[in-house]
N, C-alpha and C. Protein backbone atom coordinates (compact mmCIF):
# COMPACT_ATOMS: atom_id res chain seq x y z
N UNK A 1 145.64 122.80 116.40
CA UNK A 1 146.49 123.69 115.63
C UNK A 1 145.98 125.12 115.78
N UNK A 2 146.85 126.02 116.15
CA UNK A 2 146.50 127.42 116.34
C UNK A 2 146.54 128.14 115.00
N UNK A 3 145.47 128.87 114.67
CA UNK A 3 145.43 129.64 113.45
C UNK A 3 146.05 131.01 113.71
N UNK A 4 146.84 131.46 112.76
CA UNK A 4 147.49 132.77 112.88
C UNK A 4 146.45 133.89 112.90
N UNK A 5 146.70 134.90 113.73
CA UNK A 5 145.80 136.05 113.78
C UNK A 5 146.05 136.91 112.55
N UNK A 6 144.98 137.38 111.96
CA UNK A 6 145.08 138.22 110.77
C UNK A 6 143.73 138.75 110.38
N UNK A 7 143.65 139.37 109.22
CA UNK A 7 142.41 140.01 108.81
C UNK A 7 141.91 139.50 107.46
N UNK A 8 142.42 138.36 107.04
CA UNK A 8 141.98 137.75 105.79
C UNK A 8 141.32 136.41 106.07
N UNK A 9 140.62 135.88 105.08
CA UNK A 9 139.91 134.62 105.22
C UNK A 9 140.88 133.53 105.68
N UNK A 10 140.44 132.76 106.68
CA UNK A 10 141.24 131.67 107.23
C UNK A 10 142.06 132.05 108.45
N UNK A 11 142.14 133.32 108.76
CA UNK A 11 142.91 133.80 109.92
C UNK A 11 141.98 133.97 111.13
N UNK A 12 142.58 133.94 112.33
CA UNK A 12 141.83 134.23 113.55
C UNK A 12 141.65 135.74 113.65
N UNK A 13 140.43 136.16 113.88
CA UNK A 13 140.12 137.60 113.93
C UNK A 13 140.79 138.25 115.14
N UNK A 14 141.38 139.44 114.96
CA UNK A 14 141.94 140.15 116.11
C UNK A 14 140.83 140.64 117.03
N UNK A 15 141.06 140.61 118.33
CA UNK A 15 140.06 141.12 119.27
C UNK A 15 140.23 142.63 119.41
N UNK A 16 139.12 143.31 119.66
CA UNK A 16 139.16 144.76 119.84
C UNK A 16 137.97 145.20 120.69
N UNK A 17 138.06 146.41 121.21
CA UNK A 17 136.98 147.00 122.01
C UNK A 17 136.68 148.39 121.47
N UNK A 18 135.41 148.66 121.25
CA UNK A 18 134.95 149.98 120.80
C UNK A 18 133.73 150.37 121.61
N UNK A 19 133.41 151.65 121.60
CA UNK A 19 132.18 152.12 122.24
C UNK A 19 131.03 152.05 121.25
N UNK A 20 129.86 151.68 121.78
CA UNK A 20 128.65 151.75 120.99
C UNK A 20 128.19 153.20 120.93
N UNK A 21 127.13 153.47 120.17
CA UNK A 21 126.65 154.86 120.10
C UNK A 21 126.10 155.33 121.44
N UNK A 22 125.84 154.38 122.34
CA UNK A 22 125.37 154.74 123.68
C UNK A 22 126.55 155.00 124.63
N UNK A 23 127.79 154.85 124.14
CA UNK A 23 128.97 155.11 124.95
C UNK A 23 129.47 153.92 125.74
N UNK A 24 128.75 152.80 125.71
CA UNK A 24 129.18 151.60 126.44
C UNK A 24 130.20 150.83 125.62
N UNK A 25 131.28 150.39 126.27
CA UNK A 25 132.33 149.63 125.60
C UNK A 25 131.86 148.21 125.30
N UNK A 26 132.20 147.74 124.10
CA UNK A 26 131.86 146.39 123.68
C UNK A 26 133.12 145.74 123.13
N UNK A 27 133.44 144.55 123.67
CA UNK A 27 134.60 143.80 123.18
C UNK A 27 134.14 142.82 122.12
N UNK A 28 134.89 142.75 121.04
CA UNK A 28 134.55 141.90 119.91
C UNK A 28 135.71 140.95 119.65
N UNK A 29 135.39 139.71 119.34
CA UNK A 29 136.42 138.75 118.98
C UNK A 29 136.45 137.50 119.83
N UNK A 30 135.53 137.40 120.79
CA UNK A 30 135.47 136.19 121.61
C UNK A 30 134.88 135.04 120.79
N UNK A 31 135.34 133.84 121.07
CA UNK A 31 134.83 132.66 120.38
C UNK A 31 133.47 132.29 120.96
N UNK A 32 132.73 131.50 120.19
CA UNK A 32 131.46 130.97 120.70
C UNK A 32 130.25 131.42 119.92
N UNK A 33 130.34 132.51 119.16
CA UNK A 33 129.20 132.98 118.40
C UNK A 33 129.68 133.48 117.04
N UNK A 34 128.90 133.19 116.01
CA UNK A 34 129.19 133.71 114.68
C UNK A 34 128.85 135.18 114.66
N UNK A 35 129.67 135.98 113.99
CA UNK A 35 129.32 137.39 113.88
C UNK A 35 129.76 138.00 112.56
N UNK A 36 129.12 139.13 112.27
CA UNK A 36 129.37 139.89 111.05
C UNK A 36 129.92 141.25 111.46
N UNK A 37 130.99 141.68 110.79
CA UNK A 37 131.54 143.01 110.97
C UNK A 37 131.32 143.76 109.66
N UNK A 38 130.75 144.95 109.75
CA UNK A 38 130.53 145.77 108.56
C UNK A 38 131.09 147.16 108.83
N UNK A 39 132.16 147.52 108.11
CA UNK A 39 132.77 148.84 108.24
C UNK A 39 132.07 149.79 107.28
N UNK A 40 131.66 150.96 107.79
CA UNK A 40 130.84 151.88 106.99
C UNK A 40 130.93 153.31 107.52
N UNK A 41 130.28 154.23 106.80
CA UNK A 41 130.13 155.62 107.23
C UNK A 41 128.82 156.16 106.67
N UNK A 42 128.24 157.13 107.33
CA UNK A 42 126.94 157.68 106.90
C UNK A 42 127.03 158.40 105.57
N UNK A 43 128.19 158.95 105.24
CA UNK A 43 128.37 159.73 104.01
C UNK A 43 128.65 158.87 102.77
N UNK A 44 128.81 157.57 102.95
CA UNK A 44 129.21 156.63 101.89
C UNK A 44 127.99 156.09 101.14
N UNK A 45 127.80 156.47 99.85
CA UNK A 45 126.61 156.01 99.09
C UNK A 45 126.45 154.48 99.03
N UNK A 46 127.51 153.68 98.73
CA UNK A 46 127.30 152.22 98.72
C UNK A 46 126.93 151.68 100.10
N UNK A 47 127.45 152.32 101.16
CA UNK A 47 127.09 151.91 102.53
C UNK A 47 125.60 152.17 102.75
N UNK A 48 125.17 153.35 102.38
CA UNK A 48 123.76 153.72 102.57
C UNK A 48 122.84 152.79 101.79
N UNK A 49 123.31 152.35 100.60
CA UNK A 49 122.50 151.45 99.78
C UNK A 49 122.30 150.08 100.42
N UNK A 50 123.34 149.58 101.12
CA UNK A 50 123.24 148.23 101.68
C UNK A 50 122.60 148.20 103.07
N UNK A 51 122.53 149.33 103.74
CA UNK A 51 122.06 149.36 105.13
C UNK A 51 120.65 148.79 105.32
N UNK A 52 119.67 149.10 104.47
CA UNK A 52 118.34 148.50 104.73
C UNK A 52 118.39 146.97 104.80
N UNK A 53 119.13 146.33 103.89
CA UNK A 53 119.23 144.87 103.91
C UNK A 53 120.00 144.37 105.13
N UNK A 54 121.07 145.08 105.49
CA UNK A 54 121.85 144.68 106.66
C UNK A 54 121.04 144.81 107.94
N UNK A 55 120.23 145.86 108.00
CA UNK A 55 119.37 146.05 109.16
C UNK A 55 118.38 144.88 109.29
N UNK A 56 117.79 144.47 108.17
CA UNK A 56 116.86 143.32 108.19
C UNK A 56 117.59 142.04 108.56
N UNK A 57 118.80 141.84 108.01
CA UNK A 57 119.59 140.66 108.31
C UNK A 57 119.92 140.60 109.81
N UNK A 58 120.37 141.72 110.36
CA UNK A 58 120.72 141.78 111.79
C UNK A 58 119.52 141.48 112.66
N UNK A 59 118.36 142.01 112.29
CA UNK A 59 117.13 141.77 113.06
C UNK A 59 116.72 140.30 112.97
N UNK A 60 116.76 139.74 111.77
CA UNK A 60 116.37 138.34 111.56
C UNK A 60 117.25 137.39 112.38
N UNK A 61 118.54 137.71 112.48
CA UNK A 61 119.50 136.81 113.13
C UNK A 61 119.93 137.27 114.52
N UNK A 62 119.16 138.15 115.12
CA UNK A 62 119.58 138.74 116.41
C UNK A 62 119.81 137.72 117.50
N UNK A 63 119.22 136.53 117.40
CA UNK A 63 119.40 135.51 118.44
C UNK A 63 120.51 134.51 118.15
N UNK A 64 121.01 134.49 116.89
CA UNK A 64 122.02 133.48 116.57
C UNK A 64 123.31 134.05 115.98
N UNK A 65 123.30 135.29 115.54
CA UNK A 65 124.50 135.92 114.96
C UNK A 65 124.63 137.31 115.54
N UNK A 66 125.83 137.66 115.97
CA UNK A 66 126.06 139.02 116.46
C UNK A 66 126.47 139.88 115.27
N UNK A 67 125.82 141.00 115.11
CA UNK A 67 126.10 141.91 114.00
C UNK A 67 126.68 143.20 114.56
N UNK A 68 127.82 143.64 114.01
CA UNK A 68 128.44 144.89 114.44
C UNK A 68 128.69 145.76 113.22
N UNK A 69 127.98 146.87 113.13
CA UNK A 69 128.25 147.87 112.10
C UNK A 69 129.27 148.83 112.71
N UNK A 70 130.46 148.86 112.14
CA UNK A 70 131.55 149.67 112.70
C UNK A 70 131.68 150.95 111.89
N UNK A 71 131.21 152.03 112.49
CA UNK A 71 131.26 153.33 111.83
C UNK A 71 132.67 153.91 111.99
N UNK A 72 133.21 154.40 110.89
CA UNK A 72 134.58 154.90 110.89
C UNK A 72 134.62 156.43 110.97
N UNK A 73 135.20 156.91 112.06
CA UNK A 73 135.57 158.31 112.25
C UNK A 73 134.43 159.33 112.16
N UNK A 74 133.25 158.96 112.66
CA UNK A 74 132.16 159.93 112.75
C UNK A 74 131.76 160.07 114.22
N UNK A 75 131.11 161.16 114.53
CA UNK A 75 130.66 161.41 115.90
C UNK A 75 129.44 160.53 116.23
N UNK A 76 129.39 160.05 117.47
CA UNK A 76 128.28 159.20 117.91
C UNK A 76 126.93 159.84 117.68
N UNK A 77 126.80 161.13 117.99
CA UNK A 77 125.51 161.81 117.83
C UNK A 77 125.08 161.85 116.37
N UNK A 78 126.02 162.12 115.49
CA UNK A 78 125.72 162.16 114.05
C UNK A 78 125.22 160.79 113.57
N UNK A 79 125.89 159.74 114.02
CA UNK A 79 125.51 158.37 113.63
C UNK A 79 124.15 158.02 114.24
N UNK A 80 123.95 158.35 115.51
CA UNK A 80 122.67 158.06 116.18
C UNK A 80 121.53 158.78 115.47
N UNK A 81 121.74 160.04 115.08
CA UNK A 81 120.71 160.80 114.36
C UNK A 81 120.39 160.15 113.01
N UNK A 82 121.42 159.68 112.32
CA UNK A 82 121.24 159.00 111.03
C UNK A 82 120.40 157.73 111.21
N UNK A 83 120.74 156.92 112.22
CA UNK A 83 120.00 155.68 112.48
C UNK A 83 118.55 155.98 112.82
N UNK A 84 118.35 156.96 113.70
CA UNK A 84 117.00 157.30 114.14
C UNK A 84 116.16 157.82 112.98
N UNK A 85 116.72 158.70 112.17
CA UNK A 85 115.95 159.29 111.07
C UNK A 85 115.57 158.25 110.00
N UNK A 86 116.30 157.14 109.96
CA UNK A 86 116.00 156.08 108.98
C UNK A 86 115.37 154.84 109.62
N UNK A 87 115.11 154.90 110.92
CA UNK A 87 114.51 153.78 111.65
C UNK A 87 115.35 152.50 111.58
N UNK A 88 116.68 152.64 111.60
CA UNK A 88 117.57 151.48 111.62
C UNK A 88 117.84 151.10 113.07
N UNK A 89 117.93 149.78 113.29
CA UNK A 89 118.07 149.31 114.67
C UNK A 89 119.33 148.47 114.91
N UNK A 90 120.12 148.20 113.86
CA UNK A 90 121.29 147.34 114.05
C UNK A 90 122.30 148.01 114.98
N UNK A 91 123.10 147.18 115.70
CA UNK A 91 124.08 147.73 116.64
C UNK A 91 125.26 148.38 115.92
N UNK A 92 125.63 149.57 116.38
CA UNK A 92 126.73 150.31 115.78
C UNK A 92 127.82 150.57 116.82
N UNK A 93 129.06 150.32 116.41
CA UNK A 93 130.23 150.65 117.22
C UNK A 93 130.94 151.81 116.52
N UNK A 94 131.55 152.69 117.30
CA UNK A 94 132.20 153.87 116.75
C UNK A 94 133.72 153.71 116.80
N UNK A 95 134.34 153.70 115.64
CA UNK A 95 135.80 153.63 115.50
C UNK A 95 136.28 155.08 115.31
N UNK A 96 136.35 155.81 116.44
CA UNK A 96 136.58 157.26 116.43
C UNK A 96 137.79 157.69 115.63
N UNK A 97 138.90 156.98 115.79
CA UNK A 97 140.14 157.40 115.13
C UNK A 97 140.51 156.50 113.95
N UNK A 98 139.64 155.55 113.62
CA UNK A 98 139.91 154.66 112.49
C UNK A 98 140.94 153.57 112.78
N UNK A 99 141.33 153.41 114.05
CA UNK A 99 142.37 152.44 114.40
C UNK A 99 141.95 151.00 114.12
N UNK A 100 140.68 150.66 114.41
CA UNK A 100 140.22 149.29 114.16
C UNK A 100 140.15 149.05 112.65
N UNK A 101 139.65 150.03 111.90
CA UNK A 101 139.62 149.90 110.44
C UNK A 101 141.04 149.70 109.90
N UNK A 102 142.00 150.40 110.48
CA UNK A 102 143.39 150.25 110.08
C UNK A 102 143.90 148.85 110.41
N UNK A 103 143.58 148.36 111.60
CA UNK A 103 143.97 147.01 112.00
C UNK A 103 143.45 145.98 110.99
N UNK A 104 142.23 146.21 110.50
CA UNK A 104 141.60 145.28 109.55
C UNK A 104 141.96 145.58 108.09
N UNK A 105 142.87 146.52 107.89
CA UNK A 105 143.31 146.90 106.54
C UNK A 105 142.14 147.28 105.64
N UNK A 106 141.19 148.02 106.21
CA UNK A 106 140.04 148.49 105.44
C UNK A 106 140.51 149.69 104.62
N UNK A 107 140.55 149.52 103.31
CA UNK A 107 140.98 150.58 102.41
C UNK A 107 139.83 151.20 101.64
N UNK A 108 138.68 150.55 101.68
CA UNK A 108 137.47 151.08 101.03
C UNK A 108 136.27 150.58 101.83
N UNK A 109 135.22 151.39 101.82
CA UNK A 109 133.99 150.99 102.51
C UNK A 109 132.84 150.98 101.52
N UNK A 110 131.86 150.13 101.77
CA UNK A 110 131.78 149.20 102.90
C UNK A 110 132.70 147.99 102.72
N UNK A 111 133.15 147.47 103.85
CA UNK A 111 133.89 146.20 103.90
C UNK A 111 133.19 145.35 104.94
N UNK A 112 132.91 144.09 104.57
CA UNK A 112 132.16 143.19 105.45
C UNK A 112 132.93 141.89 105.64
N UNK A 113 132.94 141.42 106.90
CA UNK A 113 133.57 140.14 107.24
C UNK A 113 132.57 139.28 107.99
N UNK A 114 132.65 137.97 107.78
CA UNK A 114 131.88 137.01 108.57
C UNK A 114 132.89 136.15 109.31
N UNK A 115 132.69 136.05 110.64
CA UNK A 115 133.60 135.31 111.51
C UNK A 115 132.81 134.15 112.13
N UNK A 116 133.37 132.94 112.04
CA UNK A 116 132.65 131.78 112.59
C UNK A 116 132.79 131.71 114.11
N UNK A 117 132.14 130.73 114.71
CA UNK A 117 132.10 130.63 116.17
C UNK A 117 133.45 130.27 116.79
N UNK A 118 134.42 129.88 115.96
CA UNK A 118 135.77 129.59 116.45
C UNK A 118 136.68 130.81 116.32
N UNK A 119 136.12 131.93 115.83
CA UNK A 119 136.90 133.15 115.69
C UNK A 119 137.70 133.23 114.39
N UNK A 120 137.36 132.38 113.42
CA UNK A 120 138.06 132.35 112.14
C UNK A 120 137.27 133.15 111.10
N UNK A 121 137.96 134.02 110.39
CA UNK A 121 137.32 134.80 109.32
C UNK A 121 137.01 133.85 108.17
N UNK A 122 135.74 133.77 107.80
CA UNK A 122 135.30 132.86 106.74
C UNK A 122 134.89 133.58 105.46
N UNK A 123 134.72 134.89 105.54
CA UNK A 123 134.28 135.65 104.36
C UNK A 123 134.71 137.10 104.54
N UNK A 124 135.17 137.70 103.45
CA UNK A 124 135.51 139.12 103.46
C UNK A 124 135.24 139.68 102.08
N UNK A 125 134.55 140.82 102.04
CA UNK A 125 134.28 141.48 100.76
C UNK A 125 134.33 142.99 100.94
N UNK A 126 134.74 143.67 99.89
CA UNK A 126 134.71 145.12 99.86
C UNK A 126 133.68 145.52 98.81
N UNK A 127 132.86 146.49 99.15
CA UNK A 127 131.75 146.88 98.30
C UNK A 127 130.46 146.39 98.93
N UNK A 128 129.35 146.78 98.35
CA UNK A 128 128.05 146.42 98.91
C UNK A 128 127.84 144.92 99.01
N UNK A 129 127.17 144.51 100.05
CA UNK A 129 126.83 143.10 100.26
C UNK A 129 125.32 143.02 100.47
N UNK A 130 124.73 141.92 100.03
CA UNK A 130 123.28 141.74 100.21
C UNK A 130 123.02 140.76 101.35
N UNK A 131 121.81 140.81 101.85
CA UNK A 131 121.39 139.86 102.86
C UNK A 131 121.48 138.44 102.32
N UNK A 132 121.15 138.26 101.03
CA UNK A 132 121.20 136.94 100.41
C UNK A 132 122.63 136.38 100.41
N UNK A 133 123.62 137.24 100.09
CA UNK A 133 125.02 136.81 100.13
C UNK A 133 125.40 136.37 101.53
N UNK A 134 125.03 137.15 102.53
CA UNK A 134 125.36 136.80 103.91
C UNK A 134 124.68 135.50 104.33
N UNK A 135 123.43 135.30 103.89
CA UNK A 135 122.72 134.05 104.21
C UNK A 135 123.47 132.85 103.67
N UNK A 136 123.99 132.96 102.42
CA UNK A 136 124.75 131.86 101.82
C UNK A 136 126.01 131.56 102.62
N UNK A 137 126.71 132.59 103.04
CA UNK A 137 127.93 132.41 103.83
C UNK A 137 127.60 131.73 105.15
N UNK A 138 126.57 132.22 105.83
CA UNK A 138 126.17 131.67 107.13
C UNK A 138 125.77 130.19 107.00
N UNK A 139 125.02 129.86 105.95
CA UNK A 139 124.59 128.47 105.75
C UNK A 139 125.77 127.55 105.52
N UNK A 140 126.86 128.09 104.95
CA UNK A 140 128.03 127.29 104.64
C UNK A 140 128.97 127.07 105.82
N UNK A 141 128.66 127.69 106.96
CA UNK A 141 129.55 127.55 108.12
C UNK A 141 129.31 126.25 108.86
């Protein structure tokens, strides 16, 4: 049975391609690996609050879960400088015009989704998320 494509829990995640802060294109949405999408911006206080935990989570799971922090409408250099000054290492994709955020109906940030290895959205939340919350979602997959 084919699951309908959408951006809510139970739907197949839409595929998209964005550039990383290094300028290399990365396609997201292929089946086979669990991944986390986190929409954020450097100027967003709740985003800044959750980043240390997300950075630790991404590092801890770097071999089994793909983590994508999707920065909305900021310049790559500005984002790279922010990451460097805070010693964050998680992978960041740049949504220059906000089109991917629009596709995902992101109306507030941070917004976080967990997608299972079959490409189905299993979790979606708006507002800060903790590493512990993500661990519970991952264990339940």
